[in-house]
Amino acid sequence: MQWITSFLREEEAVTAVEYAVMIAMILLVVIGVIGMLGQQSGGMWGGIEGDLRTHGFYGAPASP
């Protein structure tokens, strides 16, 4: 317990906490961007699948 209090009083600890907060914020932004791109690309692939089904190319049996 004493180690934790002495660590938090040092200036290096403050710097470490600042870096941890910055990394957490960067990760939140990255996760949000990946989520948005995933939804957009999922819609794109769904549209392509729909076009292929409309024209009979999707799910058709392979020719021997």
C-alpha atoms as a PDB file:
ATOM      1  CA  MET A   1       0.000   0.000   0.000  1.00  0.00           C
ATOM      2  CA  GLN A   2       2.838   2.361   0.827  1.00  0.00           C
ATOM      3  CA  TRP A   3       4.415   1.650  -2.565  1.00  0.00           C
ATOM      4  CA  ILE A   4       1.228   2.806  -4.330  1.00  0.00           C
ATOM      5  CA  THR A   5       1.032   6.093  -2.407  1.00  0.00           C
ATOM      6  CA  SER A   6       4.702   6.850  -2.996  1.00  0.00           C
ATOM      7  CA  PHE A   7       4.287   5.998  -6.692  1.00  0.00           C
ATOM      8  CA  LEU A   8       1.312   8.345  -7.051  1.00  0.00           C
ATOM      9  CA  ARG A   9       3.207  11.227  -5.408  1.00  0.00           C
ATOM     10  CA  GLU A  10       6.113  11.053  -7.834  1.00  0.00           C
ATOM     11  CA  GLU A  11       6.084  13.157 -10.989  1.00  0.00           C
ATOM     12  CA  GLU A  12       6.812  10.088 -13.097  1.00  0.00           C
ATOM     13  CA  ALA A  13       3.516   8.619 -11.938  1.00  0.00           C
ATOM     14  CA  VAL A  14       1.656  11.685 -13.161  1.00  0.00           C
ATOM     15  CA  THR A  15       3.310  11.325 -16.551  1.00  0.00           C
ATOM     16  CA  ALA A  16       2.414   7.639 -16.665  1.00  0.00           C
ATOM     17  CA  VAL A  17      -1.215   8.419 -15.849  1.00  0.00           C
ATOM     18  CA  GLU A  18      -1.314  11.103 -18.559  1.00  0.00           C
ATOM     19  CA  TYR A  19       0.023   8.636 -21.115  1.00  0.00           C
ATOM     20  CA  ALA A  20      -2.495   6.017 -19.997  1.00  0.00           C
ATOM     21  CA  VAL A  21      -5.358   8.489 -20.445  1.00  0.00           C
ATOM     22  CA  MET A  22      -4.062   9.494 -23.894  1.00  0.00           C
ATOM     23  CA  ILE A  23      -3.783   5.845 -24.958  1.00  0.00           C
ATOM     24  CA  ALA A  24      -7.309   5.158 -23.704  1.00  0.00           C
ATOM     25  CA  MET A  25      -8.677   8.098 -25.696  1.00  0.00           C
ATOM     26  CA  ILE A  26      -6.834   7.016 -28.833  1.00  0.00           C
ATOM     27  CA  LEU A  27      -8.174   3.477 -28.446  1.00  0.00           C
ATOM     28  CA  LEU A  28     -11.736   4.759 -28.094  1.00  0.00           C
ATOM     29  CA  VAL A  29     -11.388   6.750 -31.308  1.00  0.00           C
ATOM     30  CA  VAL A  30      -9.859   3.791 -33.167  1.00  0.00           C
ATOM     31  CA  ILE A  31     -12.589   1.425 -31.969  1.00  0.00           C
ATOM     32  CA  GLY A  32     -15.263   3.919 -33.022  1.00  0.00           C
ATOM     33  CA  VAL A  33     -13.760   4.350 -36.488  1.00  0.00           C
ATOM     34  CA  ILE A  34     -13.450   0.595 -36.974  1.00  0.00           C
ATOM     35  CA  GLY A  35     -17.091   0.172 -35.941  1.00  0.00           C
ATOM     36  CA  MET A  36     -18.256   2.806 -38.423  1.00  0.00           C
ATOM     37  CA  LEU A  37     -16.183   1.378 -41.251  1.00  0.00           C
ATOM     38  CA  GLY A  38     -17.420  -2.110 -40.445  1.00  0.00           C
ATOM     39  CA  GLN A  39     -21.039  -1.037 -40.754  1.00  0.00           C
ATOM     40  CA  GLN A  40     -20.413   0.815 -44.008  1.00  0.00           C
ATOM     41  CA  SER A  41     -18.478  -2.038 -45.591  1.00  0.00           C
ATOM     42  CA  GLY A  42     -21.111  -4.519 -44.400  1.00  0.00           C
ATOM     43  CA  GLY A  43     -23.747  -2.491 -46.213  1.00  0.00           C
ATOM     44  CA  MET A  44     -21.584  -2.366 -49.321  1.00  0.00           C
ATOM     45  CA  TRP A  45     -21.064  -6.145 -49.348  1.00  0.00           C
ATOM     46  CA  GLY A  46     -24.765  -6.687 -48.689  1.00  0.00           C
ATOM     47  CA  GLY A  47     -25.578  -4.514 -51.717  1.00  0.00           C
ATOM     48  CA  ILE A  48     -23.183  -6.502 -53.893  1.00  0.00           C
ATOM     49  CA  GLU A  49     -24.742  -9.757 -52.678  1.00  0.00           C
ATOM     50  CA  GLY A  50     -28.191  -8.403 -53.515  1.00  0.00           C
ATOM     51  CA  ASP A  51     -27.060  -7.439 -57.022  1.00  0.00           C
ATOM     52  CA  LEU A  52     -25.568 -10.894 -57.569  1.00  0.00           C
ATOM     53  CA  ARG A  53     -28.781 -12.566 -56.393  1.00  0.00           C
ATOM     54  CA  THR A  54     -30.850 -10.320 -58.677  1.00  0.00           C
ATOM     55  CA  HIS A  55     -28.803 -11.324 -61.719  1.00  0.00           C
ATOM     56  CA  GLY A  56     -28.699 -15.014 -60.796  1.00  0.00           C
ATOM     57  CA  PHE A  57     -24.968 -15.273 -60.092  1.00  0.00           C
ATOM     58  CA  TYR A  58     -25.207 -15.891 -56.360  1.00  0.00           C
ATOM     59  CA  GLY A  59     -26.205 -19.326 -55.147  1.00  0.00           C
ATOM     60  CA  ALA A  60     -26.347 -20.789 -58.619  1.00  0.00           C
ATOM     61  CA  PRO A  61     -24.994 -24.335 -58.917  1.00  0.00           C
ATOM     62  CA  ALA A  62     -21.549 -24.653 -60.405  1.00  0.00           C
ATOM     63  CA  SER A  63     -21.440 -25.944 -63.955  1.00  0.00           C
ATOM     64  CA  PRO A  64     -19.708 -29.328 -64.360  1.00  0.00           C
END
